[in-house]
């Protein structure tokens, strides 16, 4: 019998990624920063990849390094994403 060691469902994790991405988009747009400018500032050379992460397309999402760099670029704290 296979045991389930996870305390979170895949749907919960997906919603977590979506919530953070939505908050990033909201803050980015409020500050008048384009996806391209933010992507380049955090070292992502593909605006398509950045867009896929921000919109959670194709299973893409930001990793911890991305979140750290995004927060520095937007001049916010990580806690502001929650």
N, C-alpha and C. Protein backbone atom coordinates (compact mmCIF):
# COMPACT_ATOMS: atom_id res chain seq x y z
N UNK A 1 0.84 -1.18 0.00
CA UNK A 1 0.00 0.00 0.00
C UNK A 1 0.89 1.25 0.00
N UNK A 2 0.61 2.16 -0.89
CA UNK A 2 1.39 3.40 -1.00
C UNK A 2 0.88 4.41 0.02
N UNK A 3 1.80 4.94 0.80
CA UNK A 3 1.42 5.95 1.79
C UNK A 3 1.53 7.34 1.18
N UNK A 4 0.66 8.22 1.61
CA UNK A 4 0.68 9.60 1.16
C UNK A 4 1.41 10.43 2.21
N UNK A 5 2.58 10.94 1.86
CA UNK A 5 3.38 11.72 2.81
C UNK A 5 3.18 13.22 2.63
N UNK A 6 2.29 13.61 1.76
CA UNK A 6 2.09 15.03 1.49
C UNK A 6 0.98 15.59 2.37
N UNK A 7 1.19 16.79 2.86
CA UNK A 7 0.15 17.46 3.63
C UNK A 7 -0.63 18.46 2.78
N UNK A 8 -0.35 18.48 1.47
CA UNK A 8 -1.00 19.42 0.55
C UNK A 8 -1.33 18.71 -0.75
N UNK A 9 -2.48 19.06 -1.29
CA UNK A 9 -2.87 18.48 -2.58
C UNK A 9 -2.21 19.26 -3.72
N UNK A 10 -2.19 18.64 -4.89
CA UNK A 10 -1.65 19.34 -6.07
C UNK A 10 -2.43 20.61 -6.34
N UNK A 11 -3.74 20.56 -6.12
CA UNK A 11 -4.59 21.74 -6.35
C UNK A 11 -4.22 22.88 -5.40
N UNK A 12 -3.94 22.55 -4.14
CA UNK A 12 -3.53 23.57 -3.18
C UNK A 12 -2.23 24.24 -3.60
N UNK A 13 -1.28 23.44 -4.06
CA UNK A 13 0.01 23.97 -4.50
C UNK A 13 -0.18 24.86 -5.73
N UNK A 14 -0.99 24.41 -6.68
CA UNK A 14 -1.26 25.21 -7.88
C UNK A 14 -1.89 26.55 -7.50
N UNK A 15 -2.85 26.51 -6.59
CA UNK A 15 -3.49 27.75 -6.14
C UNK A 15 -2.50 28.67 -5.42
N UNK A 16 -1.58 28.09 -4.68
CA UNK A 16 -0.53 28.86 -4.01
C UNK A 16 0.32 29.60 -5.04
N UNK A 17 0.75 28.89 -6.08
CA UNK A 17 1.53 29.52 -7.15
C UNK A 17 0.72 30.62 -7.84
N UNK A 18 -0.55 30.36 -8.11
CA UNK A 18 -1.40 31.35 -8.77
C UNK A 18 -1.56 32.60 -7.92
N UNK A 19 -1.77 32.42 -6.62
CA UNK A 19 -1.94 33.56 -5.72
C UNK A 19 -0.70 34.45 -5.70
N UNK A 20 0.46 33.84 -5.61
CA UNK A 20 1.71 34.62 -5.59
C UNK A 20 1.92 35.33 -6.92
N UNK A 21 1.69 34.62 -8.02
CA UNK A 21 1.86 35.22 -9.35
C UNK A 21 0.91 36.40 -9.54
N UNK A 22 -0.33 36.25 -9.07
CA UNK A 22 -1.30 37.33 -9.19
C UNK A 22 -0.86 38.56 -8.41
N UNK A 23 -0.31 38.33 -7.23
CA UNK A 23 0.17 39.44 -6.40
C UNK A 23 1.35 40.14 -7.07
N UNK A 24 2.25 39.35 -7.65
CA UNK A 24 3.39 39.94 -8.37
C UNK A 24 2.89 40.80 -9.52
N UNK A 25 1.94 40.27 -10.30
CA UNK A 25 1.38 41.02 -11.43
C UNK A 25 0.75 42.32 -10.94
N UNK A 26 -0.04 42.23 -9.87
CA UNK A 26 -0.72 43.40 -9.32
C UNK A 26 0.29 44.49 -8.92
N UNK A 27 1.32 44.11 -8.20
CA UNK A 27 2.34 45.07 -7.75
C UNK A 27 3.12 45.62 -8.94
N UNK A 28 3.50 44.74 -9.87
CA UNK A 28 4.26 45.16 -11.05
C UNK A 28 3.48 46.19 -11.86
N UNK A 29 2.19 45.90 -12.10
CA UNK A 29 1.36 46.81 -12.89
C UNK A 29 1.14 48.13 -12.15
N UNK A 30 0.94 48.05 -10.84
CA UNK A 30 0.74 49.27 -10.04
C UNK A 30 1.96 50.18 -10.11
N UNK A 31 3.14 49.59 -10.21
CA UNK A 31 4.39 50.36 -10.30
C UNK A 31 4.72 50.75 -11.74
N UNK A 32 3.89 50.32 -12.71
CA UNK A 32 4.11 50.69 -14.10
C UNK A 32 5.30 50.01 -14.75
N UNK A 33 5.62 48.81 -14.30
CA UNK A 33 6.77 48.07 -14.84
C UNK A 33 6.27 46.99 -15.79
N UNK A 34 6.87 46.91 -16.96
CA UNK A 34 6.47 45.89 -17.93
C UNK A 34 7.04 44.52 -17.54
N UNK A 35 6.44 43.48 -18.09
CA UNK A 35 6.97 42.13 -17.89
C UNK A 35 8.40 42.05 -18.41
N UNK A 36 8.66 42.65 -19.56
CA UNK A 36 9.99 42.61 -20.15
C UNK A 36 11.02 43.27 -19.23
N UNK A 37 10.70 44.45 -18.72
CA UNK A 37 11.64 45.16 -17.86
C UNK A 37 11.93 44.38 -16.58
N UNK A 38 10.89 43.81 -15.97
CA UNK A 38 11.11 43.04 -14.74
C UNK A 38 11.88 41.76 -15.04
N UNK A 39 11.52 41.10 -16.13
CA UNK A 39 12.23 39.86 -16.51
C UNK A 39 13.72 40.14 -16.68
N UNK A 40 14.05 41.17 -17.42
CA UNK A 40 15.46 41.50 -17.66
C UNK A 40 16.17 41.89 -16.36
N UNK A 41 15.47 42.62 -15.50
CA UNK A 41 16.07 43.06 -14.24
C UNK A 41 16.42 41.89 -13.32
N UNK A 42 15.66 40.80 -13.41
CA UNK A 42 15.94 39.65 -12.54
C UNK A 42 16.75 38.58 -13.26
N UNK A 43 17.18 38.88 -14.48
CA UNK A 43 18.08 37.96 -15.18
C UNK A 43 17.40 36.92 -16.05
N UNK A 44 16.11 37.10 -16.33
CA UNK A 44 15.40 36.21 -17.25
C UNK A 44 15.41 36.88 -18.61
N UNK A 45 16.01 36.24 -19.58
CA UNK A 45 16.17 36.85 -20.91
C UNK A 45 14.97 36.62 -21.82
N UNK A 46 14.06 35.77 -21.41
CA UNK A 46 12.89 35.46 -22.23
C UNK A 46 11.63 36.00 -21.56
N UNK A 47 11.02 37.01 -22.19
CA UNK A 47 9.78 37.54 -21.65
C UNK A 47 8.68 36.48 -21.73
N UNK A 48 8.77 35.57 -22.69
CA UNK A 48 7.77 34.49 -22.80
C UNK A 48 7.84 33.59 -21.57
N UNK A 49 9.05 33.24 -21.15
CA UNK A 49 9.19 32.41 -19.95
C UNK A 49 8.65 33.15 -18.73
N UNK A 50 9.02 34.43 -18.59
CA UNK A 50 8.51 35.22 -17.47
C UNK A 50 6.99 35.25 -17.49
N UNK A 51 6.41 35.52 -18.66
CA UNK A 51 4.96 35.58 -18.80
C UNK A 51 4.31 34.25 -18.42
N UNK A 52 4.92 33.16 -18.85
CA UNK A 52 4.38 31.84 -18.50
C UNK A 52 4.40 31.63 -16.99
N UNK A 53 5.44 32.08 -16.33
CA UNK A 53 5.51 31.97 -14.86
C UNK A 53 4.45 32.85 -14.20
N UNK A 54 4.33 34.08 -14.68
CA UNK A 54 3.39 35.01 -14.07
C UNK A 54 1.94 34.57 -14.28
N UNK A 55 1.70 33.84 -15.37
CA UNK A 55 0.34 33.37 -15.67
C UNK A 55 0.14 31.88 -15.42
N UNK A 56 1.16 31.24 -14.86
CA UNK A 56 1.11 29.81 -14.54
C UNK A 56 0.70 28.95 -15.73
N UNK A 57 1.23 29.30 -16.90
CA UNK A 57 0.96 28.51 -18.11
C UNK A 57 1.99 27.41 -18.23
N UNK A 58 1.55 26.30 -18.78
CA UNK A 58 2.44 25.15 -19.07
C UNK A 58 3.15 24.65 -17.82
N UNK A 59 2.52 24.81 -16.66
CA UNK A 59 3.12 24.33 -15.42
C UNK A 59 4.30 25.15 -14.93
N UNK A 60 4.52 26.31 -15.51
CA UNK A 60 5.65 27.17 -15.11
C UNK A 60 5.26 28.04 -13.92
N UNK A 61 6.22 28.25 -13.04
CA UNK A 61 6.01 29.13 -11.89
C UNK A 61 7.37 29.65 -11.43
N UNK A 62 7.33 30.71 -10.64
CA UNK A 62 8.56 31.29 -10.12
C UNK A 62 9.16 30.39 -9.05
N UNK A 63 10.49 30.33 -9.01
CA UNK A 63 11.16 29.59 -7.94
C UNK A 63 11.59 30.59 -6.86
N UNK A 64 12.22 30.10 -5.81
CA UNK A 64 12.62 30.98 -4.70
C UNK A 64 13.59 32.07 -5.13
N UNK A 65 14.52 31.72 -6.00
CA UNK A 65 15.47 32.72 -6.48
C UNK A 65 14.75 33.81 -7.25
N UNK A 66 13.81 33.42 -8.10
CA UNK A 66 13.01 34.41 -8.84
C UNK A 66 12.29 35.33 -7.86
N UNK A 67 11.63 34.74 -6.86
CA UNK A 67 10.86 35.54 -5.90
C UNK A 67 11.74 36.54 -5.17
N UNK A 68 12.92 36.10 -4.77
CA UNK A 68 13.86 37.00 -4.09
C UNK A 68 14.23 38.17 -5.00
N UNK A 69 14.59 37.87 -6.24
CA UNK A 69 15.00 38.91 -7.18
C UNK A 69 13.84 39.83 -7.55
N UNK A 70 12.64 39.26 -7.69
CA UNK A 70 11.46 40.07 -7.99
C UNK A 70 11.20 41.05 -6.85
N UNK A 71 11.27 40.56 -5.63
CA UNK A 71 11.04 41.44 -4.47
C UNK A 71 12.08 42.56 -4.42
N UNK A 72 13.34 42.25 -4.68
CA UNK A 72 14.37 43.29 -4.70
C UNK A 72 14.08 44.31 -5.80
N UNK A 73 13.71 43.83 -6.97
CA UNK A 73 13.45 44.71 -8.10
C UNK A 73 12.24 45.61 -7.85
N UNK A 74 11.20 45.04 -7.25
CA UNK A 74 9.98 45.80 -6.98
C UNK A 74 10.06 46.60 -5.67
N UNK A 75 11.19 46.43 -4.96
CA UNK A 75 11.41 47.12 -3.68
C UNK A 75 10.30 46.79 -2.67
N UNK A 76 10.04 45.49 -2.55
CA UNK A 76 9.06 45.00 -1.58
C UNK A 76 9.71 43.88 -0.77
N UNK A 77 9.03 43.48 0.29
CA UNK A 77 9.49 42.34 1.08
C UNK A 77 8.73 41.10 0.63
N UNK A 78 9.31 39.94 0.85
CA UNK A 78 8.66 38.68 0.45
C UNK A 78 7.28 38.57 1.09
N UNK A 79 7.14 39.03 2.32
CA UNK A 79 5.84 38.93 3.01
C UNK A 79 4.75 39.71 2.28
N UNK A 80 5.13 40.69 1.46
CA UNK A 80 4.15 41.47 0.71
C UNK A 80 3.45 40.65 -0.37
N UNK A 81 3.99 39.47 -0.67
CA UNK A 81 3.38 38.61 -1.69
C UNK A 81 2.24 37.78 -1.13
N UNK A 82 2.05 37.83 0.18
CA UNK A 82 1.03 36.99 0.82
C UNK A 82 -0.11 37.81 1.37
